Amino acid sequence: APPPTLEGLAEKLKAWAAADAKRRKNRTRR
């Protein structure tokens, strides 16, 4: 695979943070 770009890594980090925030929110509701 080609080496990752800074922009690509930033997008992955944002997606991970959003998924983690959603998981935490659902956990708090339960």
mmCIF file of all heavy atoms, coordinates in Angstrom:
data_MODEL
# 
_entry.id   MODEL 
# 
loop_
_atom_site.group_PDB 
_atom_site.id 
_atom_site.type_symbol 
_atom_site.label_atom_id 
_atom_site.label_alt_id 
_atom_site.label_comp_id 
_atom_site.label_asym_id 
_atom_site.label_entity_id 
_atom_site.label_seq_id 
_atom_site.pdbx_PDB_ins_code 
_atom_site.Cartn_x 
_atom_site.Cartn_y 
_atom_site.Cartn_z 
_atom_site.occupancy 
_atom_site.B_iso_or_equiv 
_atom_site.pdbx_formal_charge 
_atom_site.auth_seq_id 
_atom_site.auth_comp_id 
_atom_site.auth_asym_id 
_atom_site.auth_atom_id 
_atom_site.pdbx_PDB_model_num 
ATOM 1   N N   . ALA A 1 1  ? 0.844   -1.195 0.000  1.00 0.00 ? 1  ALA A N   1 
ATOM 2   C CA  . ALA A 1 1  ? 0.000   0.000  0.000  1.00 0.00 ? 1  ALA A CA  1 
ATOM 3   C C   . ALA A 1 1  ? 0.880   1.245  0.000  1.00 0.00 ? 1  ALA A C   1 
ATOM 4   O O   . ALA A 1 1  ? 1.974   1.237  0.571  1.00 0.00 ? 1  ALA A O   1 
ATOM 5   C CB  . ALA A 1 1  ? -0.897  -0.005 1.227  1.00 0.00 ? 1  ALA A CB  1 
ATOM 6   N N   . PRO A 1 2  ? 0.401   2.302  -0.641 1.00 0.00 ? 2  PRO A N   1 
ATOM 7   C CA  . PRO A 1 2  ? 1.190   3.540  -0.609 1.00 0.00 ? 2  PRO A CA  1 
ATOM 8   C C   . PRO A 1 2  ? 1.244   4.081  0.817  1.00 0.00 ? 2  PRO A C   1 
ATOM 9   O O   . PRO A 1 2  ? 0.341   3.821  1.614  1.00 0.00 ? 2  PRO A O   1 
ATOM 10  C CB  . PRO A 1 2  ? 0.418   4.475  -1.530 1.00 0.00 ? 2  PRO A CB  1 
ATOM 11  C CG  . PRO A 1 2  ? -0.958  3.925  -1.613 1.00 0.00 ? 2  PRO A CG  1 
ATOM 12  C CD  . PRO A 1 2  ? -0.834  2.452  -1.382 1.00 0.00 ? 2  PRO A CD  1 
ATOM 13  N N   . PRO A 1 3  ? 2.280   4.823  1.144  1.00 0.00 ? 3  PRO A N   1 
ATOM 14  C CA  . PRO A 1 3  ? 2.369   5.361  2.502  1.00 0.00 ? 3  PRO A CA  1 
ATOM 15  C C   . PRO A 1 3  ? 1.196   6.301  2.781  1.00 0.00 ? 3  PRO A C   1 
ATOM 16  O O   . PRO A 1 3  ? 0.728   6.996  1.876  1.00 0.00 ? 3  PRO A O   1 
ATOM 17  C CB  . PRO A 1 3  ? 3.702   6.112  2.521  1.00 0.00 ? 3  PRO A CB  1 
ATOM 18  C CG  . PRO A 1 3  ? 4.124   6.244  1.115  1.00 0.00 ? 3  PRO A CG  1 
ATOM 19  C CD  . PRO A 1 3  ? 3.391   5.227  0.312  1.00 0.00 ? 3  PRO A CD  1 
ATOM 20  N N   . PRO A 1 4  ? 0.707   6.316  4.020  1.00 0.00 ? 4  PRO A N   1 
ATOM 21  C CA  . PRO A 1 4  ? -0.440  7.158  4.330  1.00 0.00 ? 4  PRO A CA  1 
ATOM 22  C C   . PRO A 1 4  ? -0.080  8.644  4.255  1.00 0.00 ? 4  PRO A C   1 
ATOM 23  O O   . PRO A 1 4  ? 1.053   9.033  4.530  1.00 0.00 ? 4  PRO A O   1 
ATOM 24  C CB  . PRO A 1 4  ? -0.798  6.763  5.760  1.00 0.00 ? 4  PRO A CB  1 
ATOM 25  C CG  . PRO A 1 4  ? 0.447   6.176  6.318  1.00 0.00 ? 4  PRO A CG  1 
ATOM 26  C CD  . PRO A 1 4  ? 1.181   5.572  5.170  1.00 0.00 ? 4  PRO A CD  1 
ATOM 27  N N   . THR A 1 5  ? -1.077  9.438  3.884  1.00 0.00 ? 5  THR A N   1 
ATOM 28  C CA  . THR A 1 5  ? -0.883  10.889 3.847  1.00 0.00 ? 5  THR A CA  1 
ATOM 29  C C   . THR A 1 5  ? -1.357  11.474 5.170  1.00 0.00 ? 5  THR A C   1 
ATOM 30  O O   . THR A 1 5  ? -2.124  10.842 5.903  1.00 0.00 ? 5  THR A O   1 
ATOM 31  C CB  . THR A 1 5  ? -1.693  11.525 2.707  1.00 0.00 ? 5  THR A CB  1 
ATOM 32  O OG1 . THR A 1 5  ? -3.083  11.303 2.972  1.00 0.00 ? 5  THR A OG1 1 
ATOM 33  C CG2 . THR A 1 5  ? -1.319  10.937 1.355  1.00 0.00 ? 5  THR A CG2 1 
ATOM 34  N N   . LEU A 1 6  ? -0.928  12.672 5.455  1.00 0.00 ? 6  LEU A N   1 
ATOM 35  C CA  . LEU A 1 6  ? -1.334  13.346 6.677  1.00 0.00 ? 6  LEU A CA  1 
ATOM 36  C C   . LEU A 1 6  ? -2.842  13.570 6.682  1.00 0.00 ? 6  LEU A C   1 
ATOM 37  O O   . LEU A 1 6  ? -3.508  13.380 7.701  1.00 0.00 ? 6  LEU A O   1 
ATOM 38  C CB  . LEU A 1 6  ? -0.584  14.673 6.813  1.00 0.00 ? 6  LEU A CB  1 
ATOM 39  C CG  . LEU A 1 6  ? -0.727  15.403 8.126  1.00 0.00 ? 6  LEU A CG  1 
ATOM 40  C CD1 . LEU A 1 6  ? -0.279  14.526 9.283  1.00 0.00 ? 6  LEU A CD1 1 
ATOM 41  C CD2 . LEU A 1 6  ? 0.077   16.686 8.117  1.00 0.00 ? 6  LEU A CD2 1 
ATOM 42  N N   . GLU A 1 7  ? -3.395  13.937 5.522  1.00 0.00 ? 7  GLU A N   1 
ATOM 43  C CA  . GLU A 1 7  ? -4.839  14.167 5.420  1.00 0.00 ? 7  GLU A CA  1 
ATOM 44  C C   . GLU A 1 7  ? -5.616  12.870 5.663  1.00 0.00 ? 7  GLU A C   1 
ATOM 45  O O   . GLU A 1 7  ? -6.632  12.859 6.343  1.00 0.00 ? 7  GLU A O   1 
ATOM 46  C CB  . GLU A 1 7  ? -5.203  14.742 4.041  1.00 0.00 ? 7  GLU A CB  1 
ATOM 47  C CG  . GLU A 1 7  ? -4.669  16.135 3.787  1.00 0.00 ? 7  GLU A CG  1 
ATOM 48  C CD  . GLU A 1 7  ? -3.194  16.142 3.372  1.00 0.00 ? 7  GLU A CD  1 
ATOM 49  O OE1 . GLU A 1 7  ? -2.663  15.088 2.968  1.00 0.00 ? 7  GLU A OE1 1 
ATOM 50  O OE2 . GLU A 1 7  ? -2.572  17.210 3.474  1.00 0.00 ? 7  GLU A OE2 1 
ATOM 51  N N   . GLY A 1 8  ? -5.124  11.782 5.088  1.00 0.00 ? 8  GLY A N   1 
ATOM 52  C CA  . GLY A 1 8  ? -5.784  10.489 5.277  1.00 0.00 ? 8  GLY A CA  1 
ATOM 53  C C   . GLY A 1 8  ? -5.770  10.053 6.734  1.00 0.00 ? 8  GLY A C   1 
ATOM 54  O O   . GLY A 1 8  ? -6.767  9.524  7.250  1.00 0.00 ? 8  GLY A O   1 
ATOM 55  N N   . LEU A 1 9  ? -4.642  10.263 7.400  1.00 0.00 ? 9  LEU A N   1 
ATOM 56  C CA  . LEU A 1 9  ? -4.554  9.911  8.813  1.00 0.00 ? 9  LEU A CA  1 
ATOM 57  C C   . LEU A 1 9  ? -5.486  10.772 9.655  1.00 0.00 ? 9  LEU A C   1 
ATOM 58  O O   . LEU A 1 9  ? -6.127  10.284 10.594 1.00 0.00 ? 9  LEU A O   1 
ATOM 59  C CB  . LEU A 1 9  ? -3.110  10.047 9.305  1.00 0.00 ? 9  LEU A CB  1 
ATOM 60  C CG  . LEU A 1 9  ? -2.126  9.032  8.750  1.00 0.00 ? 9  LEU A CG  1 
ATOM 61  C CD1 . LEU A 1 9  ? -0.699  9.377  9.194  1.00 0.00 ? 9  LEU A CD1 1 
ATOM 62  C CD2 . LEU A 1 9  ? -2.480  7.633  9.194  1.00 0.00 ? 9  LEU A CD2 1 
ATOM 63  N N   . ALA A 1 10 ? -5.589  12.061 9.304  1.00 0.00 ? 10 ALA A N   1 
ATOM 64  C CA  . ALA A 1 10 ? -6.489  12.956 10.033 1.00 0.00 ? 10 ALA A CA  1 
ATOM 65  C C   . ALA A 1 10 ? -7.938  12.507 9.874  1.00 0.00 ? 10 ALA A C   1 
ATOM 66  O O   . ALA A 1 10 ? -8.703  12.509 10.848 1.00 0.00 ? 10 ALA A O   1 
ATOM 67  C CB  . ALA A 1 10 ? -6.311  14.390 9.544  1.00 0.00 ? 10 ALA A CB  1 
ATOM 68  N N   . GLU A 1 11 ? -8.323  12.096 8.671  1.00 0.00 ? 11 GLU A N   1 
ATOM 69  C CA  . GLU A 1 11 ? -9.688  11.612 8.438  1.00 0.00 ? 11 GLU A CA  1 
ATOM 70  C C   . GLU A 1 11 ? -9.969  10.347 9.249  1.00 0.00 ? 11 GLU A C   1 
ATOM 71  O O   . GLU A 1 11 ? -11.043 10.194 9.826  1.00 0.00 ? 11 GLU A O   1 
ATOM 72  C CB  . GLU A 1 11 ? -9.922  11.351 6.944  1.00 0.00 ? 11 GLU A CB  1 
ATOM 73  C CG  . GLU A 1 11 ? -10.024 12.609 6.122  1.00 0.00 ? 11 GLU A CG  1 
ATOM 74  C CD  . GLU A 1 11 ? -11.167 13.512 6.564  1.00 0.00 ? 11 GLU A CD  1 
ATOM 75  O OE1 . GLU A 1 11 ? -12.277 13.007 6.819  1.00 0.00 ? 11 GLU A OE1 1 
ATOM 76  O OE2 . GLU A 1 11 ? -10.931 14.727 6.676  1.00 0.00 ? 11 GLU A OE2 1 
ATOM 77  N N   . LYS A 1 12 ? -9.015  9.435  9.291  1.00 0.00 ? 12 LYS A N   1 
ATOM 78  C CA  . LYS A 1 12 ? -9.191  8.216  10.080 1.00 0.00 ? 12 LYS A CA  1 
ATOM 79  C C   . LYS A 1 12 ? -9.339  8.536  11.559 1.00 0.00 ? 12 LYS A C   1 
ATOM 80  O O   . LYS A 1 12 ? -10.159 7.949  12.262 1.00 0.00 ? 12 LYS A O   1 
ATOM 81  C CB  . LYS A 1 12 ? -8.011  7.260  9.868  1.00 0.00 ? 12 LYS A CB  1 
ATOM 82  C CG  . LYS A 1 12 ? -8.037  6.548  8.560  1.00 0.00 ? 12 LYS A CG  1 
ATOM 83  C CD  . LYS A 1 12 ? -6.889  5.566  8.459  1.00 0.00 ? 12 LYS A CD  1 
ATOM 84  C CE  . LYS A 1 12 ? -6.921  4.846  7.140  1.00 0.00 ? 12 LYS A CE  1 
ATOM 85  N NZ  . LYS A 1 12 ? -5.837  3.877  7.017  1.00 0.00 ? 12 LYS A NZ  1 
ATOM 86  N N   . LEU A 1 13 ? -8.558  9.474  12.038 1.00 0.00 ? 13 LEU A N   1 
ATOM 87  C CA  . LEU A 1 13 ? -8.627  9.860  13.441 1.00 0.00 ? 13 LEU A CA  1 
ATOM 88  C C   . LEU A 1 13 ? -9.976  10.499 13.761 1.00 0.00 ? 13 LEU A C   1 
ATOM 89  O O   . LEU A 1 13 ? -10.584 10.206 14.794 1.00 0.00 ? 13 LEU A O   1 
ATOM 90  C CB  . LEU A 1 13 ? -7.483  10.821 13.783 1.00 0.00 ? 13 LEU A CB  1 
ATOM 91  C CG  . LEU A 1 13 ? -7.360  11.226 15.240 1.00 0.00 ? 13 LEU A CG  1 
ATOM 92  C CD1 . LEU A 1 13 ? -7.166  10.000 16.124 1.00 0.00 ? 13 LEU A CD1 1 
ATOM 93  C CD2 . LEU A 1 13 ? -6.203  12.180 15.433 1.00 0.00 ? 13 LEU A CD2 1 
ATOM 94  N N   . LYS A 1 14 ? -10.476 11.362 12.865 1.00 0.00 ? 14 LYS A N   1 
ATOM 95  C CA  . LYS A 1 14 ? -11.788 11.976 13.074 1.00 0.00 ? 14 LYS A CA  1 
ATOM 96  C C   . LYS A 1 14 ? -12.887 10.911 13.096 1.00 0.00 ? 14 LYS A C   1 
ATOM 97  O O   . LYS A 1 14 ? -13.796 10.965 13.925 1.00 0.00 ? 14 LYS A O   1 
ATOM 98  C CB  . LYS A 1 14 ? -12.069 12.997 11.971 1.00 0.00 ? 14 LYS A CB  1 
ATOM 99  C CG  . LYS A 1 14 ? -11.273 14.271 12.090 1.00 0.00 ? 14 LYS A CG  1 
ATOM 100 C CD  . LYS A 1 14 ? -11.572 15.190 10.911 1.00 0.00 ? 14 LYS A CD  1 
ATOM 101 C CE  . LYS A 1 14 ? -10.648 16.394 10.913 1.00 0.00 ? 14 LYS A CE  1 
ATOM 102 N NZ  . LYS A 1 14 ? -10.848 17.235 9.720  1.00 0.00 ? 14 LYS A NZ  1 
ATOM 103 N N   . ALA A 1 15 ? -12.811 9.958  12.174 1.00 0.00 ? 15 ALA A N   1 
ATOM 104 C CA  . ALA A 1 15 ? -13.820 8.894  12.132 1.00 0.00 ? 15 ALA A CA  1 
ATOM 105 C C   . ALA A 1 15 ? -13.761 8.048  13.397 1.00 0.00 ? 15 ALA A C   1 
ATOM 106 O O   . ALA A 1 15 ? -14.797 7.676  13.962 1.00 0.00 ? 15 ALA A O   1 
ATOM 107 C CB  . ALA A 1 15 ? -13.601 8.019  10.892 1.00 0.00 ? 15 ALA A CB  1 
ATOM 108 N N   . TRP A 1 16 ? -12.566 7.749  13.865 1.00 0.00 ? 16 TRP A N   1 
ATOM 109 C CA  . TRP A 1 16 ? -12.416 6.970  15.094 1.00 0.00 ? 16 TRP A CA  1 
ATOM 110 C C   . TRP A 1 16 ? -12.992 7.737  16.278 1.00 0.00 ? 16 TRP A C   1 
ATOM 111 O O   . TRP A 1 16 ? -13.699 7.173  17.106 1.00 0.00 ? 16 TRP A O   1 
ATOM 112 C CB  . TRP A 1 16 ? -10.937 6.657  15.339 1.00 0.00 ? 16 TRP A CB  1 
ATOM 113 C CG  . TRP A 1 16 ? -10.709 5.988  16.653 1.00 0.00 ? 16 TRP A CG  1 
ATOM 114 C CD1 . TRP A 1 16 ? -10.868 4.665  16.937 1.00 0.00 ? 16 TRP A CD1 1 
ATOM 115 C CD2 . TRP A 1 16 ? -10.315 6.623  17.869 1.00 0.00 ? 16 TRP A CD2 1 
ATOM 116 N NE1 . TRP A 1 16 ? -10.590 4.437  18.257 1.00 0.00 ? 16 TRP A NE1 1 
ATOM 117 C CE2 . TRP A 1 16 ? -10.243 5.626  18.854 1.00 0.00 ? 16 TRP A CE2 1 
ATOM 118 C CE3 . TRP A 1 16 ? -10.005 7.932  18.216 1.00 0.00 ? 16 TRP A CE3 1 
ATOM 119 C CZ2 . TRP A 1 16 ? -9.886  5.902  20.164 1.00 0.00 ? 16 TRP A CZ2 1 
ATOM 120 C CZ3 . TRP A 1 16 ? -9.646  8.208  19.524 1.00 0.00 ? 16 TRP A CZ3 1 
ATOM 121 C CH2 . TRP A 1 16 ? -9.593  7.191  20.486 1.00 0.00 ? 16 TRP A CH2 1 
ATOM 122 N N   . ALA A 1 17 ? -12.697 9.048  16.371 1.00 0.00 ? 17 ALA A N   1 
ATOM 123 C CA  . ALA A 1 17 ? -13.187 9.857  17.483 1.00 0.00 ? 17 ALA A CA  1 
ATOM 124 C C   . ALA A 1 17 ? -14.711 9.935  17.461 1.00 0.00 ? 17 ALA A C   1 
ATOM 125 O O   . ALA A 1 17 ? -15.364 9.847  18.511 1.00 0.00 ? 17 ALA A O   1 
ATOM 126 C CB  . ALA A 1 17 ? -12.572 11.260 17.420 1.00 0.00 ? 17 ALA A CB  1 
ATOM 127 N N   . ALA A 1 18 ? -15.305 10.074 16.283 1.00 0.00 ? 18 ALA A N   1 
ATOM 128 C CA  . ALA A 1 18 ? -16.759 10.127 16.182 1.00 0.00 ? 18 ALA A CA  1 
ATOM 129 C C   . ALA A 1 18 ? -17.386 8.805  16.608 1.00 0.00 ? 18 ALA A C   1 
ATOM 130 O O   . ALA A 1 18 ? -18.384 8.776  17.335 1.00 0.00 ? 18 ALA A O   1 
ATOM 131 C CB  . ALA A 1 18 ? -17.168 10.479 14.749 1.00 0.00 ? 18 ALA A CB  1 
ATOM 132 N N   . ALA A 1 19 ? -16.796 7.696  16.166 1.00 0.00 ? 19 ALA A N   1 
ATOM 133 C CA  . ALA A 1 19 ? -17.320 6.377  16.552 1.00 0.00 ? 19 ALA A CA  1 
ATOM 134 C C   . ALA A 1 19 ? -17.176 6.160  18.051 1.00 0.00 ? 19 ALA A C   1 
ATOM 135 O O   . ALA A 1 19 ? -18.080 5.610  18.705 1.00 0.00 ? 19 ALA A O   1 
ATOM 136 C CB  . ALA A 1 19 ? -16.589 5.282  15.776 1.00 0.00 ? 19 ALA A CB  1 
ATOM 137 N N   . ASP A 1 20 ? -16.071 6.595  18.628 1.00 0.00 ? 20 ASP A N   1 
ATOM 138 C CA  . ASP A 1 20 ? -15.867 6.447  20.058 1.00 0.00 ? 20 ASP A CA  1 
ATOM 139 C C   . ASP A 1 20 ? -16.860 7.298  20.846 1.00 0.00 ? 20 ASP A C   1 
ATOM 140 O O   . ASP A 1 20 ? -17.416 6.855  21.853 1.00 0.00 ? 20 ASP A O   1 
ATOM 141 C CB  . ASP A 1 20 ? -14.430 6.819  20.430 1.00 0.00 ? 20 ASP A CB  1 
ATOM 142 C CG  . ASP A 1 20 ? -14.122 6.520  21.874 1.00 0.00 ? 20 ASP A CG  1 
ATOM 143 O OD1 . ASP A 1 20 ? -14.302 5.344  22.285 1.00 0.00 ? 20 ASP A OD1 1 
ATOM 144 O OD2 . ASP A 1 20 ? -13.721 7.448  22.610 1.00 0.00 ? 20 ASP A OD2 1 
ATOM 145 N N   . ALA A 1 21 ? -17.109 8.516  20.382 1.00 0.00 ? 21 ALA A N   1 
ATOM 146 C CA  . ALA A 1 21 ? -18.072 9.389  21.055 1.00 0.00 ? 21 ALA A CA  1 
ATOM 147 C C   . ALA A 1 21 ? -19.472 8.777  21.010 1.00 0.00 ? 21 ALA A C   1 
ATOM 148 O O   . ALA A 1 21 ? -20.205 8.796  22.012 1.00 0.00 ? 21 ALA A O   1 
ATOM 149 C CB  . ALA A 1 21 ? -18.079 10.768 20.403 1.00 0.00 ? 21 ALA A CB  1 
ATOM 150 N N   . LYS A 1 22 ? -19.836 8.200  19.879 1.00 0.00 ? 22 LYS A N   1 
ATOM 151 C CA  . LYS A 1 22 ? -21.147 7.547  19.744 1.00 0.00 ? 22 LYS A CA  1 
ATOM 152 C C   . LYS A 1 22 ? -21.237 6.345  20.682 1.00 0.00 ? 22 LYS A C   1 
ATOM 153 O O   . LYS A 1 22 ? -22.251 6.147  21.353 1.00 0.00 ? 22 LYS A O   1 
ATOM 154 C CB  . LYS A 1 22 ? -21.362 7.115  18.301 1.00 0.00 ? 22 LYS A CB  1 
ATOM 155 C CG  . LYS A 1 22 ? -22.709 6.522  18.032 1.00 0.00 ? 22 LYS A CG  1 
ATOM 156 C CD  . LYS A 1 22 ? -22.867 6.179  16.565 1.00 0.00 ? 22 LYS A CD  1 
ATOM 157 C CE  . LYS A 1 22 ? -24.220 5.552  16.317 1.00 0.00 ? 22 LYS A CE  1 
ATOM 158 N NZ  . LYS A 1 22 ? -24.384 5.184  14.909 1.00 0.00 ? 22 LYS A NZ  1 
ATOM 159 N N   . ARG A 1 23 ? -20.177 5.566  20.760 1.00 0.00 ? 23 ARG A N   1 
ATOM 160 C CA  . ARG A 1 23 ? -20.164 4.396  21.642 1.00 0.00 ? 23 ARG A CA  1 
ATOM 161 C C   . ARG A 1 23 ? -20.320 4.821  23.094 1.00 0.00 ? 23 ARG A C   1 
ATOM 162 O O   . ARG A 1 23 ? -21.090 4.241  23.844 1.00 0.00 ? 23 ARG A O   1 
ATOM 163 C CB  . ARG A 1 23 ? -18.861 3.612  21.459 1.00 0.00 ? 23 ARG A CB  1 
ATOM 164 C CG  . ARG A 1 23 ? -18.760 2.368  22.332 1.00 0.00 ? 23 ARG A CG  1 
ATOM 165 C CD  . ARG A 1 23 ? -17.391 1.738  22.249 1.00 0.00 ? 23 ARG A CD  1 
ATOM 166 N NE  . ARG A 1 23 ? -16.320 2.604  22.711 1.00 0.00 ? 23 ARG A NE  1 
ATOM 167 C CZ  . ARG A 1 23 ? -15.996 2.780  24.002 1.00 0.00 ? 23 ARG A CZ  1 
ATOM 168 N NH1 . ARG A 1 23 ? -16.662 2.172  24.941 1.00 0.00 ? 23 ARG A NH1 1 
ATOM 169 N NH2 . ARG A 1 23 ? -14.994 3.569  24.336 1.00 0.00 ? 23 ARG A NH2 1 
ATOM 170 N N   . ARG A 1 24 ? -19.609 5.869  23.484 1.00 0.00 ? 24 ARG A N   1 
ATOM 171 C CA  . ARG A 1 24 ? -19.695 6.356  24.868 1.00 0.00 ? 24 ARG A CA  1 
ATOM 172 C C   . ARG A 1 24 ? -21.095 6.885  25.180 1.00 0.00 ? 24 ARG A C   1 
ATOM 173 O O   . ARG A 1 24 ? -21.624 6.654  26.265 1.00 0.00 ? 24 ARG A O   1 
ATOM 174 C CB  . ARG A 1 24 ? -18.653 7.449  25.109 1.00 0.00 ? 24 ARG A CB  1 
ATOM 175 C CG  . ARG A 1 24 ? -17.241 6.933  25.191 1.00 0.00 ? 24 ARG A CG  1 
ATOM 176 C CD  . ARG A 1 24 ? -16.255 8.106  25.299 1.00 0.00 ? 24 ARG A CD  1 
ATOM 177 N NE  . ARG A 1 24 ? -14.910 7.650  25.293 1.00 0.00 ? 24 ARG A NE  1 
ATOM 178 C CZ  . ARG A 1 24 ? -14.179 7.432  26.390 1.00 0.00 ? 24 ARG A CZ  1 
ATOM 179 N NH1 . ARG A 1 24 ? -14.701 7.654  27.579 1.00 0.00 ? 24 ARG A NH1 1 
ATOM 180 N NH2 . ARG A 1 24 ? -12.949 7.011  26.301 1.00 0.00 ? 24 ARG A NH2 1 
ATOM 181 N N   . LYS A 1 25 ? -21.697 7.579  24.227 1.00 0.00 ? 25 LYS A N   1 
ATOM 182 C CA  . LYS A 1 25 ? -23.036 8.127  24.426 1.00 0.00 ? 25 LYS A CA  1 
ATOM 183 C C   . LYS A 1 25 ? -24.041 6.992  24.620 1.00 0.00 ? 25 LYS A C   1 
ATOM 184 O O   . LYS A 1 25 ? -24.884 7.043  25.523 1.00 0.00 ? 25 LYS A O   1 
ATOM 185 C CB  . LYS A 1 25 ? -23.421 8.990  23.223 1.00 0.00 ? 25 LYS A CB  1 
ATOM 186 C CG  . LYS A 1 25 ? -24.733 9.691  23.365 1.00 0.00 ? 25 LYS A CG  1 
ATOM 187 C CD  . LYS A 1 25 ? -24.984 10.576 22.147 1.00 0.00 ? 25 LYS A CD  1 
ATOM 188 C CE  . LYS A 1 25 ? -26.311 11.310 22.279 1.00 0.00 ? 25 LYS A CE  1 
ATOM 189 N NZ  . LYS A 1 25 ? -26.569 12.139 21.095 1.00 0.00 ? 25 LYS A NZ  1 
ATOM 190 N N   . ASN A 1 26 ? -23.960 5.965  23.790 1.00 0.00 ? 26 ASN A N   1 
ATOM 191 C CA  . ASN A 1 26 ? -24.860 4.818  23.907 1.00 0.00 ? 26 ASN A CA  1 
ATOM 192 C C   . ASN A 1 26 ? -24.644 4.086  25.225 1.00 0.00 ? 26 ASN A C   1 
ATOM 193 O O   . ASN A 1 26 ? -25.592 3.611  25.847 1.00 0.00 ? 26 ASN A O   1 
ATOM 194 C CB  . ASN A 1 26 ? -24.674 3.859  22.734 1.00 0.00 ? 26 ASN A CB  1 
ATOM 195 C CG  . ASN A 1 26 ? -25.222 4.432  21.448 1.00 0.00 ? 26 ASN A CG  1 
ATOM 196 O OD1 . ASN A 1 26 ? -26.058 5.320  21.457 1.00 0.00 ? 26 ASN A OD1 1 
ATOM 197 N ND2 . ASN A 1 26 ? -24.729 3.936  20.330 1.00 0.00 ? 26 ASN A ND2 1 
ATOM 198 N N   . ARG A 1 27 ? -23.413 3.991  25.643 1.00 0.00 ? 27 ARG A N   1 
ATOM 199 C CA  . ARG A 1 27 ? -23.096 3.307  26.902 1.00 0.00 ? 27 ARG A CA  1 
ATOM 200 C C   . ARG A 1 27 ? -23.683 4.078  28.085 1.00 0.00 ? 27 ARG A C   1 
ATOM 201 O O   . ARG A 1 27 ? -24.232 3.488  29.007 1.00 0.00 ? 27 ARG A O   1 
ATOM 202 C CB  . ARG A 1 27 ? -21.586 3.166  27.053 1.00 0.00 ? 27 ARG A CB  1 
ATOM 203 C CG  . ARG A 1 27 ? -21.188 2.375  28.246 1.00 0.00 ? 27 ARG A CG  1 
ATOM 204 C CD  . ARG A 1 27 ? -19.701 2.177  28.254 1.00 0.00 ? 27 ARG A CD  1 
ATOM 205 N NE  . ARG A 1 27 ? -19.334 1.361  29.390 1.00 0.00 ? 27 ARG A NE  1 
ATOM 206 C CZ  . ARG A 1 27 ? -18.159 1.338  29.942 1.00 0.00 ? 27 ARG A CZ  1 
ATOM 207 N NH1 . ARG A 1 27 ? -17.193 2.069  29.445 1.00 0.00 ? 27 ARG A NH1 1 
ATOM 208 N NH2 . ARG A 1 27 ? -17.907 0.579  30.972 1.00 0.00 ? 27 ARG A NH2 1 
ATOM 209 N N   . THR A 1 28 ? -23.592 5.403  28.044 1.00 0.00 ? 28 THR A N   1 
ATOM 210 C CA  . THR A 1 28 ? -24.140 6.236  29.119 1.00 0.00 ? 28 THR A CA  1 
ATOM 211 C C   . THR A 1 28 ? -25.653 6.072  29.192 1.00 0.00 ? 28 THR A C   1 
ATOM 212 O O   . THR A 1 28 ? -26.216 5.978  30.279 1.00 0.00 ? 28 THR A O   1 
ATOM 213 C CB  . THR A 1 28 ? -23.789 7.715  28.866 1.00 0.00 ? 28 THR A CB  1 
ATOM 214 O OG1 . THR A 1 28 ? -22.359 7.839  28.755 1.00 0.00 ? 28 THR A OG1 1 
ATOM 215 C CG2 . THR A 1 28 ? -24.261 8.605  30.003 1.00 0.00 ? 28 THR A CG2 1 
ATOM 216 N N   . ARG A 1 29 ? -26.323 5.989  28.054 1.00 0.00 ? 29 ARG A N   1 
ATOM 217 C CA  . ARG A 1 29 ? -27.782 5.780  28.030 1.00 0.00 ? 29 ARG A CA  1 
ATOM 218 C C   . ARG A 1 29 ? -28.149 4.458  28.690 1.00 0.00 ? 29 ARG A C   1 
ATOM 219 O O   . ARG A 1 29 ? -29.115 4.390  29.438 1.00 0.00 ? 29 ARG A O   1 
ATOM 220 C CB  . ARG A 1 29 ? -28.299 5.793  26.597 1.00 0.00 ? 29 ARG A CB  1 
ATOM 221 C CG  . ARG A 1 29 ? -28.378 7.146  25.986 1.00 0.00 ? 29 ARG A CG  1 
ATOM 222 C CD  . ARG A 1 29 ? -28.991 7.043  24.616 1.00 0.00 ? 29 ARG A CD  1 
ATOM 223 N NE  . ARG A 1 29 ? -28.941 8.324  23.939 1.00 0.00 ? 29 ARG A NE  1 
ATOM 224 C CZ  . ARG A 1 29 ? -29.126 8.476  22.636 1.00 0.00 ? 29 ARG A CZ  1 
ATOM 225 N NH1 . ARG A 1 29 ? -29.384 7.430  21.889 1.00 0.00 ? 29 ARG A NH1 1 
ATOM 226 N NH2 . ARG A 1 29 ? -29.066 9.663  22.101 1.00 0.00 ? 29 ARG A NH2 1 
ATOM 227 N N   . ARG A 1 30 ? -27.395 3.403  28.384 1.00 0.00 ? 30 ARG A N   1 
ATOM 228 C CA  . ARG A 1 30 ? -27.687 2.090  28.963 1.00 0.00 ? 30 ARG A CA  1 
ATOM 229 C C   . ARG A 1 30 ? -27.498 2.090  30.470 1.00 0.00 ? 30 ARG A C   1 
ATOM 230 O O   . ARG A 1 30 ? -28.268 1.490  31.195 1.00 0.00 ? 30 ARG A O   1 
ATOM 231 C CB  . ARG A 1 30 ? -26.825 1.012  28.307 1.00 0.00 ? 30 ARG A CB  1 
ATOM 232 C CG  . ARG A 1 30 ? -27.364 0.592  26.954 1.00 0.00 ? 30 ARG A CG  1 
ATOM 233 C CD  . ARG A 1 30 ? -26.548 -0.524 26.374 1.00 0.00 ? 30 ARG A CD  1 
ATOM 234 N NE  . ARG A 1 30 ? -25.497 0.123  25.586 1.00 0.00 ? 30 ARG A NE  1 
ATOM 235 C CZ  . ARG A 1 30 ? -24.300 -0.369 25.396 1.00 0.00 ? 30 ARG A CZ  1 
ATOM 236 N NH1 . ARG A 1 30 ? -23.957 -1.506 25.927 1.00 0.00 ? 30 ARG A NH1 1 
ATOM 237 N NH2 . ARG A 1 30 ? -23.412 0.279  24.681 1.00 0.00 ? 30 ARG A NH2 1 
# 
